[in-house]
Amino acid sequence: MIYEPVTREDCIWQCLSFEKLDARTLYDVLALRAAVFVVEQNCPYQDADGLDDQAWHLLGYRAGQLVAVARLLPPGVAGEWPAIGRVVTRANARGKGLGRELMREAVNALAVLFPGSGMALGAQAHLVKFYQSFGFEAVGEIYLEDDIEHQWMQRAPEQV
């Protein structure tokens, strides 16, 4: 159950395995990801990539509305380490630190789910400094994914 936040700016977080997502929540997650990645960023791509059912889904709610999502993949799915992906915030909820809050929650969730492990993510290149502020370091060269420059990044286990 989702409880209303103390103020409209407070975020309530849930981290659920795919099996725990009900149809409405899954629809809301996919709709938010499509609104940002496909429509806002004008990047048609195959979001349903076969990994959601292996992931944990971090969900952030404000006033009962889904405003932030990240997909947390276990080790061995997107590389040796657990990975954070599909990091997204609703357009009308940006500008007040929600992205930072989402990343703090994602890092903390992976540390609980997979203690002692490092973490990885594929960052859009323009967000590298943002992810560096959470202890991630660039690894390798910039690559193109869906015609958008990305940078693979890792956070060593000792930082967890």
C-alpha atoms as a PDB file:
ATOM      1  CA  MET A   1       0.000   0.000   0.000  1.00  0.00           C
ATOM      2  CA  ILE A   2       1.166   3.528  -0.780  1.00  0.00           C
ATOM      3  CA  TYR A   3       0.707   6.068   1.982  1.00  0.00           C
ATOM      4  CA  GLU A   4       0.337   9.727   1.131  1.00  0.00           C
ATOM      5  CA  PRO A   5       3.493  11.738   1.810  1.00  0.00           C
ATOM      6  CA  VAL A   6       3.626  14.224   4.642  1.00  0.00           C
ATOM      7  CA  THR A   7       3.879  17.088   2.137  1.00  0.00           C
ATOM      8  CA  ARG A   8       3.218  17.184  -1.599  1.00  0.00           C
ATOM      9  CA  GLU A   9       6.988  17.379  -2.160  1.00  0.00           C
ATOM     10  CA  ASP A  10       7.816  14.247  -0.138  1.00  0.00           C
ATOM     11  CA  CYS A  11       8.313  11.073  -2.127  1.00  0.00           C
ATOM     12  CA  ILE A  12       7.202   7.610  -1.066  1.00  0.00           C
ATOM     13  CA  TRP A  13       9.456   4.838  -2.389  1.00  0.00           C
ATOM     14  CA  GLN A  14       8.771   1.197  -3.156  1.00  0.00           C
ATOM     15  CA  CYS A  15      11.172  -1.393  -4.533  1.00  0.00           C
ATOM     16  CA  LEU A  16       9.311  -4.344  -6.022  1.00  0.00           C
ATOM     17  CA  SER A  17      10.290  -7.443  -7.933  1.00  0.00           C
ATOM     18  CA  PHE A  18       8.541  -7.868 -11.286  1.00  0.00           C
ATOM     19  CA  GLU A  19       6.253 -10.513  -9.786  1.00  0.00           C
ATOM     20  CA  LYS A  20       5.003  -7.981  -7.232  1.00  0.00           C
ATOM     21  CA  LEU A  21       3.997  -5.403  -9.866  1.00  0.00           C
ATOM     22  CA  ASP A  22       0.255  -5.376 -10.502  1.00  0.00           C
ATOM     23  CA  ALA A  23      -1.050  -4.610 -13.988  1.00  0.00           C
ATOM     24  CA  ARG A  24      -1.831  -0.953 -13.184  1.00  0.00           C
ATOM     25  CA  THR A  25       1.633  -0.308 -11.754  1.00  0.00           C
ATOM     26  CA  LEU A  26       3.377  -1.996 -14.680  1.00  0.00           C
ATOM     27  CA  TYR A  27       1.266   0.081 -17.080  1.00  0.00           C
ATOM     28  CA  ASP A  28       2.221   3.280 -15.207  1.00  0.00           C
ATOM     29  CA  VAL A  29       5.928   2.352 -15.289  1.00  0.00           C
ATOM     30  CA  LEU A  30       5.884   1.644 -19.028  1.00  0.00           C
ATOM     31  CA  ALA A  31       3.835   4.786 -19.735  1.00  0.00           C
ATOM     32  CA  LEU A  32       6.290   6.994 -17.793  1.00  0.00           C
ATOM     33  CA  ARG A  33       9.300   5.464 -19.532  1.00  0.00           C
ATOM     34  CA  ALA A  34       7.662   5.926 -22.950  1.00  0.00           C
ATOM     35  CA  ALA A  35       6.656   9.528 -22.160  1.00  0.00           C
ATOM     36  CA  VAL A  36      10.252  10.460 -21.388  1.00  0.00           C
ATOM     37  CA  PHE A  37      12.461   8.193 -23.489  1.00  0.00           C
ATOM     38  CA  VAL A  38      10.316   7.839 -26.610  1.00  0.00           C
ATOM     39  CA  VAL A  39       8.216  11.029 -26.748  1.00  0.00           C
ATOM     40  CA  GLU A  40      10.211  13.690 -24.855  1.00  0.00           C
ATOM     41  CA  GLN A  41      13.626  12.522 -26.094  1.00  0.00           C
ATOM     42  CA  ASN A  42      12.214  11.668 -29.530  1.00  0.00           C
ATOM     43  CA  CYS A  43      13.902   8.278 -29.496  1.00  0.00           C
ATOM     44  CA  PRO A  44      11.825   5.364 -30.738  1.00  0.00           C
ATOM     45  CA  TYR A  45      13.335   2.231 -29.220  1.00  0.00           C
ATOM     46  CA  GLN A  46      12.263  -1.189 -27.948  1.00  0.00           C
ATOM     47  CA  ASP A  47      11.636  -0.550 -24.240  1.00  0.00           C
ATOM     48  CA  ALA A  48      10.263  -4.046 -23.604  1.00  0.00           C
ATOM     49  CA  ASP A  49      13.692  -5.692 -23.900  1.00  0.00           C
ATOM     50  CA  GLY A  50      13.047  -8.875 -21.954  1.00  0.00           C
ATOM     51  CA  LEU A  51      14.837  -7.702 -18.798  1.00  0.00           C
ATOM     52  CA  ASP A  52      11.990  -6.207 -16.753  1.00  0.00           C
ATOM     53  CA  ASP A  53      10.919  -9.618 -15.491  1.00  0.00           C
ATOM     54  CA  GLN A  54      14.427 -10.174 -14.068  1.00  0.00           C
ATOM     55  CA  ALA A  55      14.572  -6.777 -12.373  1.00  0.00           C
ATOM     56  CA  TRP A  56      13.568  -4.982  -9.241  1.00  0.00           C
ATOM     57  CA  HIS A  57      11.618  -1.800  -9.923  1.00  0.00           C
ATOM     58  CA  LEU A  58      12.170   1.284  -7.798  1.00  0.00           C
ATOM     59  CA  LEU A  59       9.038   3.427  -7.790  1.00  0.00           C
ATOM     60  CA  GLY A  60       8.677   6.946  -6.421  1.00  0.00           C
ATOM     61  CA  TYR A  61       5.229   8.431  -5.722  1.00  0.00           C
ATOM     62  CA  ARG A  62       4.136  11.964  -4.891  1.00  0.00           C
ATOM     63  CA  ALA A  63       0.510  12.607  -3.993  1.00  0.00           C
ATOM     64  CA  GLY A  64      -0.359   9.153  -5.338  1.00  0.00           C
ATOM     65  CA  GLN A  65       1.219   9.761  -8.773  1.00  0.00           C
ATOM     66  CA  LEU A  66       4.187   7.771 -10.081  1.00  0.00           C
ATOM     67  CA  VAL A  67       6.889  10.400 -10.633  1.00  0.00           C
ATOM     68  CA  ALA A  68      10.163   8.439 -10.684  1.00  0.00           C
ATOM     69  CA  VAL A  69      11.302   4.984 -11.764  1.00  0.00           C
ATOM     70  CA  ALA A  70      14.552   3.043 -11.982  1.00  0.00           C
ATOM     71  CA  ARG A  71      15.132  -0.551 -13.010  1.00  0.00           C
ATOM     72  CA  LEU A  72      17.577  -2.537 -10.866  1.00  0.00           C
ATOM     73  CA  LEU A  73      19.125  -5.573 -12.539  1.00  0.00           C
ATOM     74  CA  PRO A  74      20.799  -8.371 -10.591  1.00  0.00           C
ATOM     75  CA  PRO A  75      24.413  -9.420 -11.251  1.00  0.00           C
ATOM     76  CA  GLY A  76      24.888 -11.358 -14.465  1.00  0.00           C
ATOM     77  CA  VAL A  77      22.005  -9.744 -16.371  1.00  0.00           C
ATOM     78  CA  ALA A  78      23.747  -6.625 -17.743  1.00  0.00           C
ATOM     79  CA  GLY A  79      27.277  -7.536 -16.723  1.00  0.00           C
ATOM     80  CA  GLU A  80      29.164  -8.828 -13.736  1.00  0.00           C
ATOM     81  CA  TRP A  81      27.676  -6.321 -11.283  1.00  0.00           C
ATOM     82  CA  PRO A  82      24.122  -5.283 -10.519  1.00  0.00           C
ATOM     83  CA  ALA A  83      23.029  -2.436 -12.784  1.00  0.00           C
ATOM     84  CA  ILE A  84      20.799   0.599 -12.555  1.00  0.00           C
ATOM     85  CA  GLY A  85      18.852   1.430 -15.692  1.00  0.00           C
ATOM     86  CA  ARG A  86      15.755   3.078 -17.114  1.00  0.00           C
ATOM     87  CA  VAL A  87      16.278   5.991 -14.681  1.00  0.00           C
ATOM     88  CA  VAL A  88      13.431   8.419 -15.311  1.00  0.00           C
ATOM     89  CA  THR A  89      11.525  11.247 -13.638  1.00  0.00           C
ATOM     90  CA  ARG A  90       8.224  12.753 -14.742  1.00  0.00           C
ATOM     91  CA  ALA A  91       8.700  16.105 -16.508  1.00  0.00           C
ATOM     92  CA  ASN A  92       6.356  18.038 -14.209  1.00  0.00           C
ATOM     93  CA  ALA A  93       8.205  16.749 -11.108  1.00  0.00           C
ATOM     94  CA  ARG A  94      11.704  17.851 -12.123  1.00  0.00           C
ATOM     95  CA  GLY A  95      13.765  20.730 -10.838  1.00  0.00           C
ATOM     96  CA  LYS A  96      13.496  20.009  -7.115  1.00  0.00           C
ATOM     97  CA  GLY A  97      16.097  17.283  -6.619  1.00  0.00           C
ATOM     98  CA  LEU A  98      13.937  14.278  -7.530  1.00  0.00           C
ATOM     99  CA  GLY A  99      16.614  12.806  -9.823  1.00  0.00           C
ATOM    100  CA  ARG A 100      19.168  12.937  -7.004  1.00  0.00           C
ATOM    101  CA  GLU A 101      16.679  11.387  -4.601  1.00  0.00           C
ATOM    102  CA  LEU A 102      15.925   8.628  -7.121  1.00  0.00           C
ATOM    103  CA  MET A 103      19.618   7.823  -7.558  1.00  0.00           C
ATOM    104  CA  ARG A 104      20.245   7.798  -3.785  1.00  0.00           C
ATOM    105  CA  GLU A 105      17.362   5.360  -3.392  1.00  0.00           C
ATOM    106  CA  ALA A 106      18.607   3.206  -6.296  1.00  0.00           C
ATOM    107  CA  VAL A 107      22.147   2.979  -4.899  1.00  0.00           C
ATOM    108  CA  ASN A 108      20.789   2.168  -1.438  1.00  0.00           C
ATOM    109  CA  ALA A 109      18.391  -0.457  -2.812  1.00  0.00           C
ATOM    110  CA  LEU A 110      21.175  -2.246  -4.707  1.00  0.00           C
ATOM    111  CA  ALA A 111      23.368  -2.164  -1.599  1.00  0.00           C
ATOM    112  CA  VAL A 112      20.582  -3.907   0.334  1.00  0.00           C
ATOM    113  CA  LEU A 113      19.637  -6.361  -2.435  1.00  0.00           C
ATOM    114  CA  PHE A 114      23.245  -7.286  -3.346  1.00  0.00           C
ATOM    115  CA  PRO A 115      25.488  -6.414  -0.378  1.00  0.00           C
ATOM    116  CA  GLY A 116      29.200  -6.056  -1.057  1.00  0.00           C
ATOM    117  CA  SER A 117      28.770  -5.854  -4.813  1.00  0.00           C
ATOM    118  CA  GLY A 118      29.782  -3.036  -7.125  1.00  0.00           C
ATOM    119  CA  MET A 119      27.241  -1.314  -9.348  1.00  0.00           C
ATOM    120  CA  ALA A 120      27.072  -0.335 -13.001  1.00  0.00           C
ATOM    121  CA  LEU A 121      24.965   1.754 -15.345  1.00  0.00           C
ATOM    122  CA  GLY A 122      24.877   2.938 -18.931  1.00  0.00           C
ATOM    123  CA  ALA A 123      24.593   6.738 -18.671  1.00  0.00           C
ATOM    124  CA  GLN A 124      23.497   9.112 -21.364  1.00  0.00           C
ATOM    125  CA  ALA A 125      26.776  10.938 -22.012  1.00  0.00           C
ATOM    126  CA  HIS A 126      25.461  14.354 -20.965  1.00  0.00           C
ATOM    127  CA  LEU A 127      24.680  12.921 -17.492  1.00  0.00           C
ATOM    128  CA  VAL A 128      28.145  11.508 -16.714  1.00  0.00           C
ATOM    129  CA  LYS A 129      28.948  14.224 -14.138  1.00  0.00           C
ATOM    130  CA  PHE A 130      25.594  13.642 -12.437  1.00  0.00           C
ATOM    131  CA  TYR A 131      26.374   9.929 -11.992  1.00  0.00           C
ATOM    132  CA  GLN A 132      29.962  10.702 -10.955  1.00  0.00           C
ATOM    133  CA  SER A 133      28.494  12.594  -8.005  1.00  0.00           C
ATOM    134  CA  PHE A 134      27.217   9.201  -6.768  1.00  0.00           C
ATOM    135  CA  GLY A 135      30.649   7.558  -7.008  1.00  0.00           C
ATOM    136  CA  PHE A 136      30.342   6.090 -10.515  1.00  0.00           C
ATOM    137  CA  GLU A 137      33.384   6.246 -12.814  1.00  0.00           C
ATOM    138  CA  ALA A 138      33.438   6.134 -16.607  1.00  0.00           C
ATOM    139  CA  VAL A 139      34.702   2.868 -18.094  1.00  0.00           C
ATOM    140  CA  GLY A 140      35.731   2.554 -21.737  1.00  0.00           C
ATOM    141  CA  GLU A 141      34.671   4.731 -24.633  1.00  0.00           C
ATOM    142  CA  ILE A 142      31.420   6.520 -25.344  1.00  0.00           C
ATOM    143  CA  TYR A 143      29.085   4.340 -27.426  1.00  0.00           C
ATOM    144  CA  LEU A 144      25.882   4.878 -29.356  1.00  0.00           C
ATOM    145  CA  GLU A 145      22.689   3.299 -28.100  1.00  0.00           C
ATOM    146  CA  ASP A 146      19.528   4.164 -30.017  1.00  0.00           C
ATOM    147  CA  ASP A 147      21.425   7.078 -31.637  1.00  0.00           C
ATOM    148  CA  ILE A 148      22.179   8.624 -28.210  1.00  0.00           C
ATOM    149  CA  GLU A 149      25.732   8.795 -26.858  1.00  0.00           C
ATOM    150  CA  HIS A 150      26.157   6.692 -23.712  1.00  0.00           C
ATOM    151  CA  GLN A 151      28.980   5.994 -21.292  1.00  0.00           C
ATOM    152  CA  TRP A 152      29.323   2.764 -19.295  1.00  0.00           C
ATOM    153  CA  MET A 153      29.982   3.568 -15.647  1.00  0.00           C
ATOM    154  CA  GLN A 154      30.849   1.522 -12.589  1.00  0.00           C
ATOM    155  CA  ARG A 155      30.939   2.065  -8.846  1.00  0.00           C
ATOM    156  CA  ALA A 156      33.472  -0.119  -7.087  1.00  0.00           C
ATOM    157  CA  PRO A 157      32.359  -2.430  -4.257  1.00  0.00           C
ATOM    158  CA  GLU A 158      34.404  -0.568  -1.671  1.00  0.00           C
ATOM    159  CA  GLN A 159      32.227   2.512  -2.216  1.00  0.00           C
ATOM    160  CA  VAL A 160      29.030   0.622  -1.454  1.00  0.00           C
END
